[in-house]
Amino acid sequence: FNAFIDENGDGIRQASEAPAPNVGLTGGPQRGLVTGSDGRVLVTGLGSGPTAQMEVSLDALENNAVSSPPTRVELRPRPGSVARVDYPLRPTGGLMVKVELLRDDGKRVGLSSVRVQLVTDAGQSVEGVTEFDGSAVFDAVPIGSYRLQLDPRQADRLRMRLLQSPTVVIKGDGSFTPDLTVEVRFDAAPPQTTVAKAGGG
């Protein structure tokens, strides 16, 4: 069992990626199993049944602000064989975004039910929806650089646009990125055109 900090999110342990010690395993014949300083632990005596299941615990991790694969590991033990289980842990962070509208009277108000997205250069996105005060909290966002944007379908339907398109960087230390406040504007509806009927009458 090989647990490591997957910095680039590819699921493969690179030489530069740190091990994840103190990841626990329960459910096997051995008790109190945890990964060592190298992020690895060898589990023996799984038996010869059709399947063997173990549960992964991240409670003892020094920094548990990570996203993980499923915590239940299922194996098909075979006498004399060794199975390798890679367990990538992706560092995560958090961010709070507030979406505001500048009213005609000069007062800023938060807008609820606005769908906002954090989008990477590769097109992967994390979505959130603002609450009654215009705030949306993004939890457990994988580390990396993101561009904040509105949900294109909702924005098009409401003729709503961001006045800024900020970039945010999520760090892998579990801390929250500084709060981000953005302003939206609603465009006027396009003028309707009247088409004259042919034929008179």
Protein backbone atom coordinates (compact mmCIF):
# COMPACT_ATOMS: atom_id res chain seq x y z
CA PHE A 1 0.00 0.00 0.00
CA ASN A 2 1.65 3.17 -1.26
CA ALA A 3 0.22 6.51 -0.06
CA PHE A 4 1.68 9.74 -1.39
CA ILE A 5 0.95 13.44 -1.90
CA ASP A 6 -0.12 13.74 -5.53
CA GLU A 7 0.94 17.31 -6.31
CA ASN A 8 0.15 17.22 -10.05
CA GLY A 9 -3.00 15.10 -9.81
CA ASP A 10 -1.94 12.40 -12.29
CA GLY A 11 -2.31 9.51 -9.83
CA ILE A 12 1.30 8.40 -10.32
CA ARG A 13 3.95 8.87 -7.68
CA GLN A 14 6.75 11.03 -9.01
CA ALA A 15 10.22 11.05 -7.46
CA SER A 16 9.63 14.60 -6.23
CA GLU A 17 6.27 13.84 -4.58
CA ALA A 18 6.30 13.35 -0.83
CA PRO A 19 5.17 10.18 0.94
CA ALA A 20 2.09 10.22 3.18
CA PRO A 21 2.97 8.63 6.54
CA ASN A 22 0.41 7.71 9.21
CA VAL A 23 -2.30 6.62 6.78
CA GLY A 24 -4.17 3.86 8.63
CA LEU A 25 -5.55 0.57 7.34
CA THR A 26 -8.19 -1.44 9.19
CA GLY A 27 -10.08 -4.62 8.40
CA GLY A 28 -7.17 -6.91 7.61
CA PRO A 29 -5.73 -9.66 9.79
CA GLN A 30 -3.09 -7.30 11.18
CA ARG A 31 -4.14 -4.57 13.62
CA GLY A 32 -2.98 -0.99 13.85
CA LEU A 33 -1.42 -0.81 10.41
CA VAL A 34 -0.18 2.63 9.32
CA THR A 35 2.08 3.74 6.53
CA GLY A 36 5.67 4.46 7.50
CA SER A 37 7.86 7.46 6.78
CA ASP A 38 8.08 6.31 3.14
CA GLY A 39 4.27 6.21 2.80
CA ARG A 40 4.23 2.44 2.43
CA VAL A 41 3.01 -0.53 4.45
CA LEU A 42 2.98 -4.25 3.63
CA VAL A 43 -0.19 -6.16 4.51
CA THR A 44 0.04 -9.94 4.73
CA GLY A 45 -2.29 -12.77 5.60
CA LEU A 46 -5.28 -11.62 3.59
CA GLY A 47 -6.42 -15.23 3.13
CA SER A 48 -7.62 -16.95 -0.02
CA GLY A 49 -11.23 -15.79 -0.16
CA PRO A 50 -12.71 -14.24 -3.30
CA THR A 51 -12.22 -10.72 -1.97
CA ALA A 52 -10.61 -8.87 0.92
CA GLN A 53 -11.63 -5.40 2.05
CA MET A 54 -9.82 -2.79 4.07
CA GLU A 55 -10.74 0.71 5.20
CA VAL A 56 -8.36 3.66 4.87
CA SER A 57 -8.18 6.22 7.68
CA LEU A 58 -6.70 9.69 7.25
CA ASP A 59 -7.34 10.79 10.84
CA ALA A 60 -3.65 10.75 11.82
CA LEU A 61 -2.36 12.69 8.81
CA GLU A 62 -0.43 15.82 9.76
CA ASN A 63 -2.37 17.78 7.14
CA ASN A 64 -5.64 16.07 6.25
CA ALA A 65 -6.74 18.83 3.86
CA VAL A 66 -6.56 16.41 0.95
CA SER A 67 -8.92 14.74 -1.46
CA SER A 68 -8.54 10.99 -1.64
CA PRO A 69 -9.66 7.96 -3.61
CA PRO A 70 -12.45 5.87 -2.04
CA THR A 71 -11.57 4.90 1.53
CA ARG A 72 -12.60 1.28 0.99
CA VAL A 73 -9.95 -0.82 -0.73
CA GLU A 74 -11.07 -4.13 -2.23
CA LEU A 75 -8.56 -6.80 -3.26
CA ARG A 76 -8.70 -10.25 -4.78
CA PRO A 77 -5.99 -12.10 -2.87
CA ARG A 78 -4.11 -14.90 -4.60
CA PRO A 79 -1.66 -17.24 -2.83
CA GLY A 80 1.91 -16.25 -3.58
CA SER A 81 1.03 -12.98 -5.33
CA VAL A 82 1.63 -9.40 -4.22
CA ALA A 83 -0.79 -6.62 -5.17
CA ARG A 84 0.36 -3.00 -5.23
CA VAL A 85 -2.18 -0.35 -4.26
CA ASP A 86 -1.23 3.24 -5.07
CA TYR A 87 -3.17 5.74 -2.97
CA PRO A 88 -2.74 9.32 -4.24
CA LEU A 89 -3.76 12.13 -1.89
CA ARG A 90 -4.35 15.47 -3.59
CA PRO A 91 -3.69 18.58 -1.49
CA THR A 92 -6.65 20.94 -1.31
CA GLY A 93 -7.55 24.42 -0.15
CA GLY A 94 -10.60 26.62 0.24
CA LEU A 95 -11.94 29.90 -1.04
CA MET A 96 -14.93 32.16 -0.39
CA VAL A 97 -16.30 34.20 -3.28
CA LYS A 98 -18.84 37.00 -2.93
CA VAL A 99 -20.86 38.15 -5.93
CA GLU A 100 -22.22 41.70 -5.69
CA LEU A 101 -24.37 44.04 -7.75
CA LEU A 102 -23.93 47.82 -7.71
CA ARG A 103 -27.45 49.26 -7.56
CA ASP A 104 -28.52 52.59 -9.04
CA ASP A 105 -28.49 54.14 -5.55
CA GLY A 106 -24.79 53.29 -5.19
CA LYS A 107 -25.32 50.47 -2.68
CA ARG A 108 -23.65 47.10 -3.20
CA VAL A 109 -25.80 44.05 -2.52
CA GLY A 110 -24.98 40.36 -2.60
CA LEU A 111 -26.79 38.23 -5.17
CA SER A 112 -28.11 34.79 -4.25
CA SER A 113 -28.42 31.70 -6.46
CA VAL A 114 -25.61 32.78 -8.80
CA ARG A 115 -23.71 29.81 -10.20
CA VAL A 116 -19.97 30.43 -10.19
CA GLN A 117 -17.16 28.23 -11.42
CA LEU A 118 -13.44 27.84 -10.81
CA VAL A 119 -11.95 26.67 -14.12
CA THR A 120 -8.42 25.45 -14.86
CA ASP A 121 -6.55 26.03 -18.12
CA ALA A 122 -7.34 22.40 -18.96
CA GLY A 123 -11.07 23.07 -18.67
CA GLN A 124 -11.67 21.22 -15.39
CA SER A 125 -14.11 23.07 -13.17
CA VAL A 126 -15.36 23.26 -9.59
CA GLU A 127 -18.84 24.73 -9.18
CA GLY A 128 -20.58 26.63 -6.41
CA VAL A 129 -23.82 28.56 -5.82
CA THR A 130 -24.08 31.80 -3.84
CA GLU A 131 -26.13 31.97 -0.65
CA PHE A 132 -28.59 34.71 0.38
CA ASP A 133 -25.74 37.19 1.02
CA GLY A 134 -24.02 36.54 -2.30
CA SER A 135 -21.27 34.32 -0.88
CA ALA A 136 -20.20 30.91 -2.14
CA VAL A 137 -17.71 28.74 -0.26
CA PHE A 138 -15.49 26.36 -2.18
CA ASP A 139 -14.16 23.54 0.02
CA ALA A 140 -11.54 20.92 -0.79
CA VAL A 141 -10.49 22.47 -4.11
CA PRO A 142 -7.43 20.69 -5.58
CA ILE A 143 -4.32 22.85 -5.67
CA GLY A 144 -3.64 24.85 -8.80
CA SER A 145 -4.49 28.02 -10.66
CA TYR A 146 -8.12 28.75 -11.51
CA ARG A 147 -10.08 31.41 -13.36
CA LEU A 148 -13.35 32.54 -11.78
CA GLN A 149 -16.31 32.73 -14.14
CA LEU A 150 -20.09 32.58 -14.17
CA ASP A 151 -21.94 29.51 -15.30
CA PRO A 152 -22.25 30.25 -19.05
CA ARG A 153 -25.83 29.00 -19.39
CA GLN A 154 -27.18 30.96 -16.45
CA ALA A 155 -25.22 34.06 -17.40
CA ASP A 156 -26.51 33.95 -20.97
CA ARG A 157 -30.11 33.43 -19.85
CA LEU A 158 -29.98 36.36 -17.42
CA ARG A 159 -27.71 38.54 -19.60
CA MET A 160 -25.34 38.69 -16.64
CA ARG A 161 -21.58 39.20 -16.85
CA LEU A 162 -18.63 39.63 -14.52
CA LEU A 163 -16.84 42.96 -14.60
CA GLN A 164 -13.63 41.13 -13.71
CA SER A 165 -12.30 37.65 -14.51
CA PRO A 166 -9.83 37.10 -11.66
CA THR A 167 -7.35 34.27 -11.32
CA VAL A 168 -6.94 32.54 -7.97
CA VAL A 169 -4.25 30.15 -6.78
CA ILE A 170 -5.21 27.37 -4.40
CA LYS A 171 -2.29 26.29 -2.23
CA GLY A 172 -1.74 22.86 -0.78
CA ASP A 173 -1.27 23.76 2.87
CA GLY A 174 -4.96 23.50 3.78
CA SER A 175 -5.32 27.24 4.32
CA PHE A 176 -8.06 29.40 2.85
CA THR A 177 -7.19 31.67 -0.04
CA PRO A 178 -8.09 35.31 0.73
CA ASP A 179 -11.77 36.06 0.12
CA LEU A 180 -12.62 37.27 -3.35
CA THR A 181 -15.34 39.82 -4.16
CA VAL A 182 -16.53 40.31 -7.73
CA GLU A 183 -19.15 42.52 -9.32
CA VAL A 184 -21.72 41.58 -11.94
CA ARG A 185 -23.66 43.67 -14.38
CA PHE A 186 -26.95 42.89 -16.14
CA ASP A 187 -27.07 43.97 -19.77
CA ALA A 188 -30.23 45.47 -21.22
CA ALA A 189 -32.41 43.28 -23.37
CA PRO A 190 -31.80 43.72 -27.10
CA PRO A 191 -34.46 45.86 -28.82
CA GLN A 192 -37.25 43.92 -30.42
CA THR A 193 -37.68 44.25 -34.14
CA THR A 194 -41.08 44.34 -35.81
CA VAL A 195 -41.43 42.43 -39.06
CA ALA A 196 -44.10 43.82 -41.41
CA LYS A 197 -46.57 41.29 -42.72
CA ALA A 198 -46.60 40.75 -46.47
CA GLY A 199 -49.76 41.09 -48.48
CA GLY A 200 -51.42 44.04 -46.68
CA GLY A 201 -55.02 43.79 -45.60
